[in-house]
């Protein structure tokens, strides 16, 4: 049986060139990594979408980070981090 999605709790940090910094913890539901998948690539594809602070910061240079802090169905994912800049 294939699991379509898994619940995670992630910590999201967004640091903007303006000096504004946001740190949130949110619950999300995402597709799990496929067997043999590169977990860093999976995290980049699935977790970075939850970063950012909306239209107010659109076009403002930032560094983003999302880290899995809880994963009941896949405890091996705890600590996996995705980072990006844009």
N, C-alpha and C. Protein backbone atom coordinates (compact mmCIF):
# COMPACT_ATOMS: atom_id res chain seq x y z
N UNK A 1 0.84 -1.18 0.00
CA UNK A 1 0.00 0.00 0.00
C UNK A 1 0.89 1.25 0.00
N UNK A 2 0.63 2.16 -0.91
CA UNK A 2 1.38 3.40 -1.01
C UNK A 2 0.65 4.50 -0.25
N UNK A 3 1.40 5.25 0.54
CA UNK A 3 0.82 6.37 1.28
C UNK A 3 0.86 7.59 0.38
N UNK A 4 -0.31 8.22 0.16
CA UNK A 4 -0.39 9.36 -0.75
C UNK A 4 0.20 10.62 -0.12
N UNK A 5 -0.06 10.84 1.15
CA UNK A 5 0.47 12.01 1.84
C UNK A 5 0.80 11.64 3.29
N UNK A 6 1.66 12.45 3.90
CA UNK A 6 2.00 12.27 5.30
C UNK A 6 1.92 13.62 6.02
N UNK A 7 1.52 13.59 7.29
CA UNK A 7 1.50 14.84 8.06
C UNK A 7 2.90 15.12 8.63
N UNK A 8 3.28 16.39 8.58
CA UNK A 8 4.55 16.83 9.15
C UNK A 8 4.32 18.11 9.94
N UNK A 9 5.19 18.35 10.89
CA UNK A 9 5.29 19.68 11.50
C UNK A 9 6.64 20.22 11.07
N UNK A 10 6.63 21.43 10.50
CA UNK A 10 7.87 22.03 10.04
C UNK A 10 8.09 23.39 10.69
N UNK A 11 9.36 23.72 10.87
CA UNK A 11 9.74 25.06 11.33
C UNK A 11 10.21 25.82 10.10
N UNK A 12 9.59 26.96 9.86
CA UNK A 12 9.89 27.77 8.68
C UNK A 12 10.52 29.08 9.13
N UNK A 13 11.66 29.41 8.54
CA UNK A 13 12.34 30.66 8.84
C UNK A 13 12.55 31.43 7.54
N UNK A 14 12.18 32.71 7.58
CA UNK A 14 12.38 33.59 6.43
C UNK A 14 13.13 34.82 6.93
N UNK A 15 14.29 35.08 6.34
CA UNK A 15 15.12 36.22 6.73
C UNK A 15 15.29 37.11 5.50
N UNK A 16 14.80 38.35 5.62
CA UNK A 16 14.80 39.27 4.49
C UNK A 16 15.95 40.26 4.57
N UNK A 17 16.37 40.76 3.41
CA UNK A 17 17.47 41.72 3.33
C UNK A 17 17.15 43.00 4.10
N UNK A 18 15.88 43.25 4.35
CA UNK A 18 15.44 44.43 5.11
C UNK A 18 15.75 44.29 6.60
N UNK A 19 16.12 43.06 7.01
CA UNK A 19 16.35 42.79 8.43
C UNK A 19 15.17 42.11 9.09
N UNK A 20 14.04 42.03 8.38
CA UNK A 20 12.87 41.35 8.93
C UNK A 20 13.12 39.85 8.98
N UNK A 21 12.70 39.22 10.08
CA UNK A 21 12.91 37.79 10.30
C UNK A 21 11.61 37.19 10.82
N UNK A 22 11.22 36.07 10.25
CA UNK A 22 10.00 35.39 10.67
C UNK A 22 10.33 33.94 10.96
N UNK A 23 9.80 33.42 12.05
CA UNK A 23 10.01 32.04 12.48
C UNK A 23 8.65 31.48 12.86
N UNK A 24 8.19 30.47 12.12
CA UNK A 24 6.88 29.88 12.39
C UNK A 24 7.01 28.36 12.45
N UNK A 25 6.11 27.74 13.17
CA UNK A 25 5.98 26.29 13.16
C UNK A 25 4.59 25.98 12.65
N UNK A 26 4.52 25.17 11.60
CA UNK A 26 3.23 24.88 10.97
C UNK A 26 3.08 23.39 10.70
N UNK A 27 1.83 22.95 10.67
CA UNK A 27 1.50 21.57 10.30
C UNK A 27 1.14 21.55 8.82
N UNK A 28 1.72 20.61 8.09
CA UNK A 28 1.48 20.47 6.66
C UNK A 28 1.23 19.00 6.34
N UNK A 29 0.68 18.77 5.17
CA UNK A 29 0.51 17.42 4.65
C UNK A 29 1.12 17.40 3.26
N UNK A 30 2.08 16.51 3.05
CA UNK A 30 2.83 16.47 1.79
C UNK A 30 2.99 15.03 1.31
N UNK A 31 3.29 14.84 0.03
CA UNK A 31 3.63 13.50 -0.43
C UNK A 31 4.94 13.05 0.22
N UNK A 32 5.03 11.80 0.62
CA UNK A 32 6.29 11.32 1.21
C UNK A 32 7.34 11.14 0.12
N UNK A 33 8.60 11.09 0.52
CA UNK A 33 9.63 10.79 -0.47
C UNK A 33 9.45 9.37 -1.00
N UNK A 34 9.76 9.19 -2.27
CA UNK A 34 9.68 7.85 -2.84
C UNK A 34 10.89 7.04 -2.37
N UNK A 35 10.77 5.73 -2.34
CA UNK A 35 11.91 4.91 -1.92
C UNK A 35 13.15 5.22 -2.76
N UNK A 36 14.26 5.44 -2.09
CA UNK A 36 15.51 5.74 -2.77
C UNK A 36 15.68 7.19 -3.19
N UNK A 37 14.69 8.03 -2.90
CA UNK A 37 14.77 9.44 -3.30
C UNK A 37 15.84 10.17 -2.51
N UNK A 38 16.41 11.19 -3.12
CA UNK A 38 17.34 12.08 -2.43
C UNK A 38 16.50 12.95 -1.50
N UNK A 39 16.71 12.83 -0.20
CA UNK A 39 15.87 13.54 0.77
C UNK A 39 16.06 15.05 0.73
N UNK A 40 17.24 15.50 0.36
CA UNK A 40 17.45 16.95 0.22
C UNK A 40 16.61 17.50 -0.93
N UNK A 41 16.59 16.79 -2.04
CA UNK A 41 15.78 17.22 -3.19
C UNK A 41 14.30 17.17 -2.84
N UNK A 42 13.87 16.09 -2.16
CA UNK A 42 12.48 15.98 -1.74
C UNK A 42 12.10 17.17 -0.86
N UNK A 43 12.94 17.50 0.12
CA UNK A 43 12.64 18.61 1.03
C UNK A 43 12.56 19.93 0.27
N UNK A 44 13.46 20.14 -0.66
CA UNK A 44 13.42 21.37 -1.47
C UNK A 44 12.12 21.45 -2.25
N UNK A 45 11.73 20.35 -2.88
CA UNK A 45 10.51 20.33 -3.69
C UNK A 45 9.25 20.49 -2.85
N UNK A 46 9.20 19.86 -1.68
CA UNK A 46 7.96 19.80 -0.91
C UNK A 46 7.85 20.83 0.22
N UNK A 47 8.95 21.28 0.78
CA UNK A 47 8.88 22.12 1.98
C UNK A 47 9.08 23.61 1.71
N UNK A 48 9.91 23.96 0.73
CA UNK A 48 10.17 25.38 0.51
C UNK A 48 8.94 26.15 0.07
N UNK A 49 7.95 25.45 -0.44
CA UNK A 49 6.71 26.12 -0.85
C UNK A 49 6.01 26.79 0.33
N UNK A 50 6.32 26.38 1.55
CA UNK A 50 5.68 26.94 2.74
C UNK A 50 6.44 28.14 3.33
N UNK A 51 7.52 28.54 2.69
CA UNK A 51 8.29 29.68 3.17
C UNK A 51 7.77 30.97 2.57
N UNK A 52 8.25 32.08 3.08
CA UNK A 52 7.85 33.39 2.57
C UNK A 52 6.71 33.97 3.37
N UNK A 53 6.55 35.27 3.24
CA UNK A 53 5.54 35.98 4.04
C UNK A 53 4.50 36.69 3.19
N UNK A 54 4.34 36.27 1.96
CA UNK A 54 3.26 36.78 1.13
C UNK A 54 3.62 37.98 0.28
N UNK A 55 2.58 38.59 -0.29
CA UNK A 55 2.74 39.68 -1.26
C UNK A 55 3.54 40.86 -0.72
N UNK A 56 3.43 41.11 0.56
CA UNK A 56 4.13 42.23 1.18
C UNK A 56 5.65 42.13 0.96
N UNK A 57 6.16 40.91 0.85
CA UNK A 57 7.60 40.70 0.68
C UNK A 57 7.95 40.19 -0.71
N UNK A 58 6.99 40.22 -1.61
CA UNK A 58 7.24 39.79 -2.98
C UNK A 58 8.34 40.66 -3.59
N UNK A 59 9.35 40.03 -4.14
CA UNK A 59 10.44 40.76 -4.75
C UNK A 59 11.53 41.21 -3.79
N UNK A 60 11.39 40.91 -2.50
CA UNK A 60 12.40 41.28 -1.51
C UNK A 60 13.34 40.09 -1.32
N UNK A 61 14.63 40.31 -1.51
CA UNK A 61 15.62 39.23 -1.38
C UNK A 61 15.55 38.61 0.02
N UNK A 62 15.62 37.28 0.07
CA UNK A 62 15.50 36.58 1.35
C UNK A 62 16.24 35.25 1.32
N UNK A 63 16.48 34.74 2.51
CA UNK A 63 16.97 33.37 2.71
C UNK A 63 15.86 32.62 3.43
N UNK A 64 15.54 31.44 2.92
CA UNK A 64 14.45 30.64 3.45
C UNK A 64 14.98 29.30 3.95
N UNK A 65 14.35 28.80 5.02
CA UNK A 65 14.71 27.49 5.55
C UNK A 65 13.46 26.82 6.10
N UNK A 66 13.31 25.54 5.81
CA UNK A 66 12.22 24.74 6.35
C UNK A 66 12.81 23.44 6.88
N UNK A 67 12.50 23.11 8.14
CA UNK A 67 13.05 21.93 8.81
C UNK A 67 11.92 21.08 9.36
N UNK A 68 11.97 19.78 9.12
CA UNK A 68 10.98 18.86 9.68
C UNK A 68 11.28 18.71 11.18
N UNK A 69 10.29 19.03 12.02
CA UNK A 69 10.47 18.90 13.47
C UNK A 69 9.63 17.78 14.06
N UNK A 70 8.62 17.31 13.32
CA UNK A 70 7.83 16.16 13.76
C UNK A 70 7.29 15.44 12.53
N UNK A 71 7.32 14.12 12.59
CA UNK A 71 6.85 13.30 11.48
C UNK A 71 6.42 11.94 12.01
N UNK A 72 5.17 11.85 12.50
CA UNK A 72 4.72 10.60 13.12
C UNK A 72 4.82 9.38 12.20
N UNK A 73 4.51 9.54 10.92
CA UNK A 73 4.52 8.41 9.99
C UNK A 73 5.92 8.07 9.49
N UNK A 74 6.82 9.05 9.49
CA UNK A 74 8.19 8.85 8.99
C UNK A 74 9.19 9.56 9.89
N UNK A 75 9.47 9.00 11.08
CA UNK A 75 10.40 9.66 12.01
C UNK A 75 11.79 9.89 11.42
N UNK A 76 12.15 9.13 10.38
CA UNK A 76 13.46 9.32 9.75
C UNK A 76 13.59 10.68 9.05
N UNK A 77 12.47 11.37 8.85
CA UNK A 77 12.51 12.68 8.19
C UNK A 77 12.81 13.83 9.15
N UNK A 78 12.71 13.57 10.45
CA UNK A 78 12.95 14.63 11.44
C UNK A 78 14.38 15.15 11.28
N UNK A 79 14.49 16.46 11.18
CA UNK A 79 15.79 17.10 11.02
C UNK A 79 16.15 17.42 9.58
N UNK A 80 15.44 16.84 8.62
CA UNK A 80 15.70 17.16 7.22
C UNK A 80 15.38 18.64 6.99
N UNK A 81 16.30 19.34 6.34
CA UNK A 81 16.16 20.78 6.14
C UNK A 81 16.33 21.14 4.68
N UNK A 82 15.48 22.05 4.22
CA UNK A 82 15.61 22.62 2.88
C UNK A 82 15.91 24.10 3.03
N UNK A 83 16.83 24.59 2.21
CA UNK A 83 17.18 26.01 2.24
C UNK A 83 17.12 26.57 0.83
N UNK A 84 16.79 27.84 0.75
CA UNK A 84 16.74 28.50 -0.55
C UNK A 84 16.95 29.99 -0.40
N UNK A 85 17.22 30.62 -1.52
CA UNK A 85 17.43 32.07 -1.52
C UNK A 85 16.72 32.63 -2.74
N UNK A 86 16.14 33.78 -2.56
CA UNK A 86 15.45 34.38 -3.70
C UNK A 86 14.90 35.73 -3.39
